[in-house]
Amino acid sequence: SGALSDRQITEAIGRSPLDFASEHGKTQ
């Protein structure tokens, strides 16, 4: 009932300065 939706997570990742382009970043 309290889970985040994929849309909420995607938007938060878009606001984040973190880089997830590397192989390790994709795993993260």
mmCIF file of all heavy atoms, coordinates in Angstrom:
data_MODEL
# 
_entry.id   MODEL 
# 
loop_
_atom_site.group_PDB 
_atom_site.id 
_atom_site.type_symbol 
_atom_site.label_atom_id 
_atom_site.label_alt_id 
_atom_site.label_comp_id 
_atom_site.label_asym_id 
_atom_site.label_entity_id 
_atom_site.label_seq_id 
_atom_site.pdbx_PDB_ins_code 
_atom_site.Cartn_x 
_atom_site.Cartn_y 
_atom_site.Cartn_z 
_atom_site.occupancy 
_atom_site.B_iso_or_equiv 
_atom_site.pdbx_formal_charge 
_atom_site.auth_seq_id 
_atom_site.auth_comp_id 
_atom_site.auth_asym_id 
_atom_site.auth_atom_id 
_atom_site.pdbx_PDB_model_num 
ATOM 1   N N   . SER A 1 1  ? 0.812  -1.217 0.000   1.00 0.00 ? 1  SER A N   1 
ATOM 2   C CA  . SER A 1 1  ? 0.000  0.000  0.000   1.00 0.00 ? 1  SER A CA  1 
ATOM 3   C C   . SER A 1 1  ? 0.846  1.268  0.000   1.00 0.00 ? 1  SER A C   1 
ATOM 4   O O   . SER A 1 1  ? 0.414  2.307  -0.515  1.00 0.00 ? 1  SER A O   1 
ATOM 5   C CB  . SER A 1 1  ? -0.955 0.000  1.196   1.00 0.00 ? 1  SER A CB  1 
ATOM 6   O OG  . SER A 1 1  ? -0.223 -0.066 2.419   1.00 0.00 ? 1  SER A OG  1 
ATOM 7   N N   . GLY A 1 2  ? 2.043  1.229  0.576   1.00 0.00 ? 2  GLY A N   1 
ATOM 8   C CA  . GLY A 1 2  ? 2.874  2.427  0.637   1.00 0.00 ? 2  GLY A CA  1 
ATOM 9   C C   . GLY A 1 2  ? 3.993  2.450  -0.374  1.00 0.00 ? 2  GLY A C   1 
ATOM 10  O O   . GLY A 1 2  ? 4.873  3.313  -0.318  1.00 0.00 ? 2  GLY A O   1 
ATOM 11  N N   . ALA A 1 3  ? 3.969  1.513  -1.342  1.00 0.00 ? 3  ALA A N   1 
ATOM 12  C CA  . ALA A 1 3  ? 5.050  1.429  -2.323  1.00 0.00 ? 3  ALA A CA  1 
ATOM 13  C C   . ALA A 1 3  ? 5.033  2.613  -3.275  1.00 0.00 ? 3  ALA A C   1 
ATOM 14  O O   . ALA A 1 3  ? 3.971  3.166  -3.597  1.00 0.00 ? 3  ALA A O   1 
ATOM 15  C CB  . ALA A 1 3  ? 4.935  0.126  -3.101  1.00 0.00 ? 3  ALA A CB  1 
ATOM 16  N N   . LEU A 1 4  ? 6.206  3.024  -3.731  1.00 0.00 ? 4  LEU A N   1 
ATOM 17  C CA  . LEU A 1 4  ? 6.317  4.078  -4.737  1.00 0.00 ? 4  LEU A CA  1 
ATOM 18  C C   . LEU A 1 4  ? 6.011  3.508  -6.109  1.00 0.00 ? 4  LEU A C   1 
ATOM 19  O O   . LEU A 1 4  ? 6.283  2.334  -6.387  1.00 0.00 ? 4  LEU A O   1 
ATOM 20  C CB  . LEU A 1 4  ? 7.725  4.674  -4.729  1.00 0.00 ? 4  LEU A CB  1 
ATOM 21  C CG  . LEU A 1 4  ? 8.165  5.435  -3.471  1.00 0.00 ? 4  LEU A CG  1 
ATOM 22  C CD1 . LEU A 1 4  ? 9.655  5.744  -3.533  1.00 0.00 ? 4  LEU A CD1 1 
ATOM 23  C CD2 . LEU A 1 4  ? 7.360  6.720  -3.296  1.00 0.00 ? 4  LEU A CD2 1 
ATOM 24  N N   . SER A 1 5  ? 5.487  4.337  -6.980  1.00 0.00 ? 5  SER A N   1 
ATOM 25  C CA  . SER A 1 5  ? 5.241  3.912  -8.360  1.00 0.00 ? 5  SER A CA  1 
ATOM 26  C C   . SER A 1 5  ? 6.506  4.102  -9.188  1.00 0.00 ? 5  SER A C   1 
ATOM 27  O O   . SER A 1 5  ? 7.410  4.866  -8.807  1.00 0.00 ? 5  SER A O   1 
ATOM 28  C CB  . SER A 1 5  ? 4.096  4.717  -8.961  1.00 0.00 ? 5  SER A CB  1 
ATOM 29  O OG  . SER A 1 5  ? 4.475  6.078  -9.121  1.00 0.00 ? 5  SER A OG  1 
ATOM 30  N N   . ASP A 1 6  ? 6.570  3.430  -10.337 1.00 0.00 ? 6  ASP A N   1 
ATOM 31  C CA  . ASP A 1 6  ? 7.718  3.609  -11.234 1.00 0.00 ? 6  ASP A CA  1 
ATOM 32  C C   . ASP A 1 6  ? 7.839  5.066  -11.670 1.00 0.00 ? 6  ASP A C   1 
ATOM 33  O O   . ASP A 1 6  ? 8.945  5.592  -11.816 1.00 0.00 ? 6  ASP A O   1 
ATOM 34  C CB  . ASP A 1 6  ? 7.570  2.709  -12.462 1.00 0.00 ? 6  ASP A CB  1 
ATOM 35  C CG  . ASP A 1 6  ? 7.850  1.248  -12.144 1.00 0.00 ? 6  ASP A CG  1 
ATOM 36  O OD1 . ASP A 1 6  ? 8.269  0.967  -11.002 1.00 0.00 ? 6  ASP A OD1 1 
ATOM 37  O OD2 . ASP A 1 6  ? 7.659  0.384  -13.017 1.00 0.00 ? 6  ASP A OD2 1 
ATOM 38  N N   . ARG A 1 7  ? 6.708  5.726  -11.884 1.00 0.00 ? 7  ARG A N   1 
ATOM 39  C CA  . ARG A 1 7  ? 6.739  7.132  -12.308 1.00 0.00 ? 7  ARG A CA  1 
ATOM 40  C C   . ARG A 1 7  ? 7.375  8.014  -11.224 1.00 0.00 ? 7  ARG A C   1 
ATOM 41  O O   . ARG A 1 7  ? 8.221  8.868  -11.526 1.00 0.00 ? 7  ARG A O   1 
ATOM 42  C CB  . ARG A 1 7  ? 5.320  7.616  -12.608 1.00 0.00 ? 7  ARG A CB  1 
ATOM 43  C CG  . ARG A 1 7  ? 5.248  9.093  -13.026 1.00 0.00 ? 7  ARG A CG  1 
ATOM 44  C CD  . ARG A 1 7  ? 3.810  9.551  -13.188 1.00 0.00 ? 7  ARG A CD  1 
ATOM 45  N NE  . ARG A 1 7  ? 3.058  9.394  -11.953 1.00 0.00 ? 7  ARG A NE  1 
ATOM 46  C CZ  . ARG A 1 7  ? 3.127  10.262 -10.935 1.00 0.00 ? 7  ARG A CZ  1 
ATOM 47  N NH1 . ARG A 1 7  ? 3.930  11.308 -10.996 1.00 0.00 ? 7  ARG A NH1 1 
ATOM 48  N NH2 . ARG A 1 7  ? 2.392  10.057 -9.848  1.00 0.00 ? 7  ARG A NH2 1 
ATOM 49  N N   . GLN A 1 8  ? 7.003  7.785  -9.962  1.00 0.00 ? 8  GLN A N   1 
ATOM 50  C CA  . GLN A 1 8  ? 7.573  8.577  -8.870  1.00 0.00 ? 8  GLN A CA  1 
ATOM 51  C C   . GLN A 1 8  ? 9.085  8.368  -8.773  1.00 0.00 ? 8  GLN A C   1 
ATOM 52  O O   . GLN A 1 8  ? 9.836  9.327  -8.563  1.00 0.00 ? 8  GLN A O   1 
ATOM 53  C CB  . GLN A 1 8  ? 6.913  8.187  -7.546  1.00 0.00 ? 8  GLN A CB  1 
ATOM 54  C CG  . GLN A 1 8  ? 5.468  8.649  -7.398  1.00 0.00 ? 8  GLN A CG  1 
ATOM 55  C CD  . GLN A 1 8  ? 4.835  8.113  -6.132  1.00 0.00 ? 8  GLN A CD  1 
ATOM 56  O OE1 . GLN A 1 8  ? 4.822  6.896  -5.893  1.00 0.00 ? 8  GLN A OE1 1 
ATOM 57  N NE2 . GLN A 1 8  ? 4.310  9.008  -5.304  1.00 0.00 ? 8  GLN A NE2 1 
ATOM 58  N N   . ILE A 1 9  ? 9.515  7.117  -8.939  1.00 0.00 ? 9  ILE A N   1 
ATOM 59  C CA  . ILE A 1 9  ? 10.952 6.824  -8.845  1.00 0.00 ? 9  ILE A CA  1 
ATOM 60  C C   . ILE A 1 9  ? 11.696 7.430  -10.026 1.00 0.00 ? 9  ILE A C   1 
ATOM 61  O O   . ILE A 1 9  ? 12.773 8.025  -9.870  1.00 0.00 ? 9  ILE A O   1 
ATOM 62  C CB  . ILE A 1 9  ? 11.179 5.304  -8.769  1.00 0.00 ? 9  ILE A CB  1 
ATOM 63  C CG1 . ILE A 1 9  ? 10.484 4.724  -7.529  1.00 0.00 ? 9  ILE A CG1 1 
ATOM 64  C CG2 . ILE A 1 9  ? 12.669 4.984  -8.737  1.00 0.00 ? 9  ILE A CG2 1 
ATOM 65  C CD1 . ILE A 1 9  ? 10.484 3.210  -7.481  1.00 0.00 ? 9  ILE A CD1 1 
ATOM 66  N N   . THR A 1 10 ? 11.144 7.298  -11.227 1.00 0.00 ? 10 THR A N   1 
ATOM 67  C CA  . THR A 1 10 ? 11.787 7.839  -12.425 1.00 0.00 ? 10 THR A CA  1 
ATOM 68  C C   . THR A 1 10 ? 11.948 9.351  -12.319 1.00 0.00 ? 10 THR A C   1 
ATOM 69  O O   . THR A 1 10 ? 13.001 9.904  -12.658 1.00 0.00 ? 10 THR A O   1 
ATOM 70  C CB  . THR A 1 10 ? 10.965 7.484  -13.673 1.00 0.00 ? 10 THR A CB  1 
ATOM 71  O OG1 . THR A 1 10 ? 10.856 6.068  -13.782 1.00 0.00 ? 10 THR A OG1 1 
ATOM 72  C CG2 . THR A 1 10 ? 11.621 8.028  -14.932 1.00 0.00 ? 10 THR A CG2 1 
ATOM 73  N N   . GLU A 1 11 ? 10.906 10.034 -11.850 1.00 0.00 ? 11 GLU A N   1 
ATOM 74  C CA  . GLU A 1 11 ? 10.991 11.496 -11.703 1.00 0.00 ? 11 GLU A CA  1 
ATOM 75  C C   . GLU A 1 11 ? 12.048 11.881 -10.675 1.00 0.00 ? 11 GLU A C   1 
ATOM 76  O O   . GLU A 1 11 ? 12.778 12.863 -10.872 1.00 0.00 ? 11 GLU A O   1 
ATOM 77  C CB  . GLU A 1 11 ? 9.621  12.053 -11.301 1.00 0.00 ? 11 GLU A CB  1 
ATOM 78  C CG  . GLU A 1 11 ? 8.578  11.960 -12.406 1.00 0.00 ? 11 GLU A CG  1 
ATOM 79  C CD  . GLU A 1 11 ? 7.203  12.432 -11.958 1.00 0.00 ? 11 GLU A CD  1 
ATOM 80  O OE1 . GLU A 1 11 ? 7.044  12.712 -10.731 1.00 0.00 ? 11 GLU A OE1 1 
ATOM 81  O OE2 . GLU A 1 11 ? 6.293  12.514 -12.794 1.00 0.00 ? 11 GLU A OE2 1 
ATOM 82  N N   . ALA A 1 12 ? 12.141 11.120 -9.589  1.00 0.00 ? 12 ALA A N   1 
ATOM 83  C CA  . ALA A 1 12 ? 13.144 11.430 -8.562  1.00 0.00 ? 12 ALA A CA  1 
ATOM 84  C C   . ALA A 1 12 ? 14.555 11.205 -9.089  1.00 0.00 ? 12 ALA A C   1 
ATOM 85  O O   . ALA A 1 12 ? 15.470 11.998 -8.805  1.00 0.00 ? 12 ALA A O   1 
ATOM 86  C CB  . ALA A 1 12 ? 12.891 10.571 -7.324  1.00 0.00 ? 12 ALA A CB  1 
ATOM 87  N N   . ILE A 1 13 ? 14.748 10.142 -9.861  1.00 0.00 ? 13 ILE A N   1 
ATOM 88  C CA  . ILE A 1 13 ? 16.069 9.893  -10.464 1.00 0.00 ? 13 ILE A CA  1 
ATOM 89  C C   . ILE A 1 13 ? 16.425 11.021 -11.418 1.00 0.00 ? 13 ILE A C   1 
ATOM 90  O O   . ILE A 1 13 ? 17.579 11.461 -11.496 1.00 0.00 ? 13 ILE A O   1 
ATOM 91  C CB  . ILE A 1 13 ? 16.077 8.531  -11.184 1.00 0.00 ? 13 ILE A CB  1 
ATOM 92  C CG1 . ILE A 1 13 ? 16.008 7.397  -10.155 1.00 0.00 ? 13 ILE A CG1 1 
ATOM 93  C CG2 . ILE A 1 13 ? 17.329 8.380  -12.055 1.00 0.00 ? 13 ILE A CG2 1 
ATOM 94  C CD1 . ILE A 1 13 ? 15.892 6.013  -10.758 1.00 0.00 ? 13 ILE A CD1 1 
ATOM 95  N N   . GLY A 1 14 ? 15.412 11.526 -12.154 1.00 0.00 ? 14 GLY A N   1 
ATOM 96  C CA  . GLY A 1 14 ? 15.643 12.643 -13.068 1.00 0.00 ? 14 GLY A CA  1 
ATOM 97  C C   . GLY A 1 14 ? 16.072 13.909 -12.351 1.00 0.00 ? 14 GLY A C   1 
ATOM 98  O O   . GLY A 1 14 ? 16.822 14.728 -12.907 1.00 0.00 ? 14 GLY A O   1 
ATOM 99  N N   . ARG A 1 15 ? 15.617 14.094 -11.125 1.00 0.00 ? 15 ARG A N   1 
ATOM 100 C CA  . ARG A 1 15 ? 16.009 15.276 -10.333 1.00 0.00 ? 15 ARG A CA  1 
ATOM 101 C C   . ARG A 1 15 ? 17.356 15.090 -9.650  1.00 0.00 ? 15 ARG A C   1 
ATOM 102 O O   . ARG A 1 15 ? 17.932 16.051 -9.130  1.00 0.00 ? 15 ARG A O   1 
ATOM 103 C CB  . ARG A 1 15 ? 14.944 15.569 -9.268  1.00 0.00 ? 15 ARG A CB  1 
ATOM 104 C CG  . ARG A 1 15 ? 13.601 16.020 -9.811  1.00 0.00 ? 15 ARG A CG  1 
ATOM 105 C CD  . ARG A 1 15 ? 12.691 16.504 -8.679  1.00 0.00 ? 15 ARG A CD  1 
ATOM 106 N NE  . ARG A 1 15 ? 12.287 15.418 -7.787  1.00 0.00 ? 15 ARG A NE  1 
ATOM 107 C CZ  . ARG A 1 15 ? 11.164 14.723 -7.904  1.00 0.00 ? 15 ARG A CZ  1 
ATOM 108 N NH1 . ARG A 1 15 ? 10.337 14.979 -8.908  1.00 0.00 ? 15 ARG A NH1 1 
ATOM 109 N NH2 . ARG A 1 15 ? 10.852 13.774 -7.038  1.00 0.00 ? 15 ARG A NH2 1 
ATOM 110 N N   . SER A 1 16 ? 17.863 13.858 -9.616  1.00 0.00 ? 16 SER A N   1 
ATOM 111 C CA  . SER A 1 16 ? 19.094 13.558 -8.883  1.00 0.00 ? 16 SER A CA  1 
ATOM 112 C C   . SER A 1 16 ? 20.334 13.936 -9.691  1.00 0.00 ? 16 SER A C   1 
ATOM 113 O O   . SER A 1 16 ? 20.377 13.739 -10.907 1.00 0.00 ? 16 SER A O   1 
ATOM 114 C CB  . SER A 1 16 ? 19.138 12.065 -8.544  1.00 0.00 ? 16 SER A CB  1 
ATOM 115 O OG  . SER A 1 16 ? 20.405 11.708 -8.019  1.00 0.00 ? 16 SER A OG  1 
ATOM 116 N N   . PRO A 1 17 ? 21.373 14.452 -9.030  1.00 0.00 ? 17 PRO A N   1 
ATOM 117 C CA  . PRO A 1 17 ? 22.633 14.750 -9.730  1.00 0.00 ? 17 PRO A CA  1 
ATOM 118 C C   . PRO A 1 17 ? 23.497 13.507 -9.936  1.00 0.00 ? 17 PRO A C   1 
ATOM 119 O O   . PRO A 1 17 ? 24.542 13.584 -10.582 1.00 0.00 ? 17 PRO A O   1 
ATOM 120 C CB  . PRO A 1 17 ? 23.319 15.743 -8.784  1.00 0.00 ? 17 PRO A CB  1 
ATOM 121 C CG  . PRO A 1 17 ? 22.827 15.352 -7.419  1.00 0.00 ? 17 PRO A CG  1 
ATOM 122 C CD  . PRO A 1 17 ? 21.413 14.883 -7.617  1.00 0.00 ? 17 PRO A CD  1 
ATOM 123 N N   . LEU A 1 18 ? 23.091 12.376 -9.390  1.00 0.00 ? 18 LEU A N   1 
ATOM 124 C CA  . LEU A 1 18 ? 23.900 11.159 -9.506  1.00 0.00 ? 18 LEU A CA  1 
ATOM 125 C C   . LEU A 1 18 ? 23.911 10.650 -10.938 1.00 0.00 ? 18 LEU A C   1 
ATOM 126 O O   . LEU A 1 18 ? 22.925 10.761 -11.670 1.00 0.00 ? 18 LEU A O   1 
ATOM 127 C CB  . LEU A 1 18 ? 23.355 10.077 -8.575  1.00 0.00 ? 18 LEU A CB  1 
ATOM 128 C CG  . LEU A 1 18 ? 23.386 10.379 -7.078  1.00 0.00 ? 18 LEU A CG  1 
ATOM 129 C CD1 . LEU A 1 18 ? 22.719 9.251  -6.290  1.00 0.00 ? 18 LEU A CD1 1 
ATOM 130 C CD2 . LEU A 1 18 ? 24.814 10.567 -6.601  1.00 0.00 ? 18 LEU A CD2 1 
ATOM 131 N N   . ASP A 1 19 ? 25.047 10.065 -11.331 1.00 0.00 ? 19 ASP A N   1 
ATOM 132 C CA  . ASP A 1 19 ? 25.216 9.515  -12.682 1.00 0.00 ? 19 ASP A CA  1 
ATOM 133 C C   . ASP A 1 19 ? 25.099 7.993  -12.608 1.00 0.00 ? 19 ASP A C   1 
ATOM 134 O O   . ASP A 1 19 ? 25.884 7.328  -11.925 1.00 0.00 ? 19 ASP A O   1 
ATOM 135 C CB  . ASP A 1 19 ? 26.588 9.913  -13.233 1.00 0.00 ? 19 ASP A CB  1 
ATOM 136 C CG  . ASP A 1 19 ? 26.809 9.395  -14.646 1.00 0.00 ? 19 ASP A CG  1 
ATOM 137 O OD1 . ASP A 1 19 ? 25.831 8.905  -15.263 1.00 0.00 ? 19 ASP A OD1 1 
ATOM 138 O OD2 . ASP A 1 19 ? 27.952 9.485  -15.131 1.00 0.00 ? 19 ASP A OD2 1 
ATOM 139 N N   . PHE A 1 20 ? 24.118 7.455  -13.310 1.00 0.00 ? 20 PHE A N   1 
ATOM 140 C CA  . PHE A 1 20 ? 23.898 6.011  -13.303 1.00 0.00 ? 20 PHE A CA  1 
ATOM 141 C C   . PHE A 1 20 ? 24.254 5.381  -14.650 1.00 0.00 ? 20 PHE A C   1 
ATOM 142 O O   . PHE A 1 20 ? 23.734 4.334  -15.008 1.00 0.00 ? 20 PHE A O   1 
ATOM 143 C CB  . PHE A 1 20 ? 22.433 5.704  -12.961 1.00 0.00 ? 20 PHE A CB  1 
ATOM 144 C CG  . PHE A 1 20 ? 22.016 6.173  -11.598 1.00 0.00 ? 20 PHE A CG  1 
ATOM 145 C CD1 . PHE A 1 20 ? 21.197 7.282  -11.446 1.00 0.00 ? 20 PHE A CD1 1 
ATOM 146 C CD2 . PHE A 1 20 ? 22.458 5.517  -10.455 1.00 0.00 ? 20 PHE A CD2 1 
ATOM 147 C CE1 . PHE A 1 20 ? 20.802 7.714  -10.186 1.00 0.00 ? 20 PHE A CE1 1 
ATOM 148 C CE2 . PHE A 1 20 ? 22.085 5.947  -9.198  1.00 0.00 ? 20 PHE A CE2 1 
ATOM 149 C CZ  . PHE A 1 20 ? 21.254 7.046  -9.060  1.00 0.00 ? 20 PHE A CZ  1 
ATOM 150 N N   . ALA A 1 21 ? 25.155 6.033  -15.404 1.00 0.00 ? 21 ALA A N   1 
ATOM 151 C CA  . ALA A 1 21 ? 25.463 5.563  -16.762 1.00 0.00 ? 21 ALA A CA  1 
ATOM 152 C C   . ALA A 1 21 ? 26.387 4.349  -16.768 1.00 0.00 ? 21 ALA A C   1 
ATOM 153 O O   . ALA A 1 21 ? 26.334 3.534  -17.690 1.00 0.00 ? 21 ALA A O   1 
ATOM 154 C CB  . ALA A 1 21 ? 26.086 6.697  -17.572 1.00 0.00 ? 21 ALA A CB  1 
ATOM 155 N N   . SER A 1 22 ? 27.242 4.213  -15.750 1.00 0.00 ? 22 SER A N   1 
ATOM 156 C CA  . SER A 1 22 ? 28.192 3.092  -15.734 1.00 0.00 ? 22 SER A CA  1 
ATOM 157 C C   . SER A 1 22 ? 27.475 1.780  -15.447 1.00 0.00 ? 22 SER A C   1 
ATOM 158 O O   . SER A 1 22 ? 26.299 1.761  -15.088 1.00 0.00 ? 22 SER A O   1 
ATOM 159 C CB  . SER A 1 22 ? 29.266 3.332  -14.683 1.00 0.00 ? 22 SER A CB  1 
ATOM 160 O OG  . SER A 1 22 ? 28.683 3.284  -13.382 1.00 0.00 ? 22 SER A OG  1 
ATOM 161 N N   . GLU A 1 23 ? 28.199 0.679  -15.602 1.00 0.00 ? 23 GLU A N   1 
ATOM 162 C CA  . GLU A 1 23 ? 27.614 -0.635 -15.309 1.00 0.00 ? 23 GLU A CA  1 
ATOM 163 C C   . GLU A 1 23 ? 27.187 -0.707 -13.842 1.00 0.00 ? 23 GLU A C   1 
ATOM 164 O O   . GLU A 1 23 ? 26.119 -1.222 -13.525 1.00 0.00 ? 23 GLU A O   1 
ATOM 165 C CB  . GLU A 1 23 ? 28.619 -1.746 -15.621 1.00 0.00 ? 23 GLU A CB  1 
ATOM 166 C CG  . GLU A 1 23 ? 28.749 -2.067 -17.101 1.00 0.00 ? 23 GLU A CG  1 
ATOM 167 C CD  . GLU A 1 23 ? 27.415 -2.489 -17.707 1.00 0.00 ? 23 GLU A CD  1 
ATOM 168 O OE1 . GLU A 1 23 ? 26.714 -3.322 -17.102 1.00 0.00 ? 23 GLU A OE1 1 
ATOM 169 O OE2 . GLU A 1 23 ? 27.063 -1.969 -18.776 1.00 0.00 ? 23 GLU A OE2 1 
ATOM 170 N N   . HIS A 1 24 ? 28.049 -0.190 -12.966 1.00 0.00 ? 24 HIS A N   1 
ATOM 171 C CA  . HIS A 1 24 ? 27.691 -0.187 -11.549 1.00 0.00 ? 24 HIS A CA  1 
ATOM 172 C C   . HIS A 1 24 ? 26.487 0.732  -11.309 1.00 0.00 ? 24 HIS A C   1 
ATOM 173 O O   . HIS A 1 24 ? 25.595 0.401  -10.520 1.00 0.00 ? 24 HIS A O   1 
ATOM 174 C CB  . HIS A 1 24 ? 28.872 0.275  -10.702 1.00 0.00 ? 24 HIS A CB  1 
ATOM 175 C CG  . HIS A 1 24 ? 28.591 0.262  -9.225  1.00 0.00 ? 24 HIS A CG  1 
ATOM 176 N ND1 . HIS A 1 24 ? 28.566 -0.892 -8.480  1.00 0.00 ? 24 HIS A ND1 1 
ATOM 177 C CD2 . HIS A 1 24 ? 28.289 1.275  -8.357  1.00 0.00 ? 24 HIS A CD2 1 
ATOM 178 C CE1 . HIS A 1 24 ? 28.273 -0.606 -7.225  1.00 0.00 ? 24 HIS A CE1 1 
ATOM 179 N NE2 . HIS A 1 24 ? 28.100 0.700  -7.121  1.00 0.00 ? 24 HIS A NE2 1 
ATOM 180 N N   . GLY A 1 25 ? 26.458 1.868  -12.017 1.00 0.00 ? 25 GLY A N   1 
ATOM 181 C CA  . GLY A 1 25 ? 25.333 2.785  -11.874 1.00 0.00 ? 25 GLY A CA  1 
ATOM 182 C C   . GLY A 1 25 ? 24.020 2.159  -12.308 1.00 0.00 ? 25 GLY A C   1 
ATOM 183 O O   . GLY A 1 25 ? 22.967 2.393  -11.688 1.00 0.00 ? 25 GLY A O   1 
ATOM 184 N N   . LYS A 1 26 ? 24.060 1.344  -13.358 1.00 0.00 ? 26 LYS A N   1 
ATOM 185 C CA  . LYS A 1 26 ? 22.845 0.662  -13.814 1.00 0.00 ? 26 LYS A CA  1 
ATOM 186 C C   . LYS A 1 26 ? 22.355 -0.324 -12.754 1.00 0.00 ? 26 LYS A C   1 
ATOM 187 O O   . LYS A 1 26 ? 21.147 -0.478 -12.550 1.00 0.00 ? 26 LYS A O   1 
ATOM 188 C CB  . LYS A 1 26 ? 23.116 -0.058 -15.135 1.00 0.00 ? 26 LYS A CB  1 
ATOM 189 C CG  . LYS A 1 26 ? 23.378 0.880  -16.303 1.00 0.00 ? 26 LYS A CG  1 
ATOM 190 C CD  . LYS A 1 26 ? 23.764 0.114  -17.565 1.00 0.00 ? 26 LYS A CD  1 
ATOM 191 C CE  . LYS A 1 26 ? 24.094 1.077  -18.711 1.00 0.00 ? 26 LYS A CE  1 
ATOM 192 N NZ  . LYS A 1 26 ? 24.554 0.353  -19.917 1.00 0.00 ? 26 LYS A NZ  1 
ATOM 193 N N   . THR A 1 27 ? 23.302 -0.979 -12.089 1.00 0.00 ? 27 THR A N   1 
ATOM 194 C CA  . THR A 1 27 ? 22.928 -1.897 -11.011 1.00 0.00 ? 27 THR A CA  1 
ATOM 195 C C   . THR A 1 27 ? 22.305 -1.131 -9.852  1.00 0.00 ? 27 THR A C   1 
ATOM 196 O O   . THR A 1 27 ? 21.313 -1.565 -9.261  1.00 0.00 ? 27 THR A O   1 
ATOM 197 C CB  . THR A 1 27 ? 24.158 -2.669 -10.518 1.00 0.00 ? 27 THR A CB  1 
ATOM 198 O OG1 . THR A 1 27 ? 24.777 -3.334 -11.624 1.00 0.00 ? 27 THR A OG1 1 
ATOM 199 C CG2 . THR A 1 27 ? 23.776 -3.713 -9.482  1.00 0.00 ? 27 THR A CG2 1 
ATOM 200 N N   . GLN A 1 28 ? 22.892 0.027  -9.524  1.00 0.00 ? 28 GLN A N   1 
ATOM 201 C CA  . GLN A 1 28 ? 22.330 0.866  -8.473  1.00 0.00 ? 28 GLN A CA  1 
ATOM 202 C C   . GLN A 1 28 ? 20.913 1.329  -8.832  1.00 0.00 ? 28 GLN A C   1 
ATOM 203 O O   . GLN A 1 28 ? 20.014 1.337  -7.990  1.00 0.00 ? 28 GLN A O   1 
ATOM 204 C CB  . GLN A 1 28 ? 23.215 2.090  -8.236  1.00 0.00 ? 28 GLN A CB  1 
ATOM 205 C CG  . GLN A 1 28 ? 24.515 1.796  -7.506  1.00 0.00 ? 28 GLN A CG  1 
ATOM 206 C CD  . GLN A 1 28 ? 25.314 3.057  -7.270  1.00 0.00 ? 28 GLN A CD  1 
ATOM 207 O OE1 . GLN A 1 28 ? 25.516 3.854  -8.192  1.00 0.00 ? 28 GLN A OE1 1 
ATOM 208 N NE2 . GLN A 1 28 ? 25.759 3.271  -6.048  1.00 0.00 ? 28 GLN A NE2 1 
# 
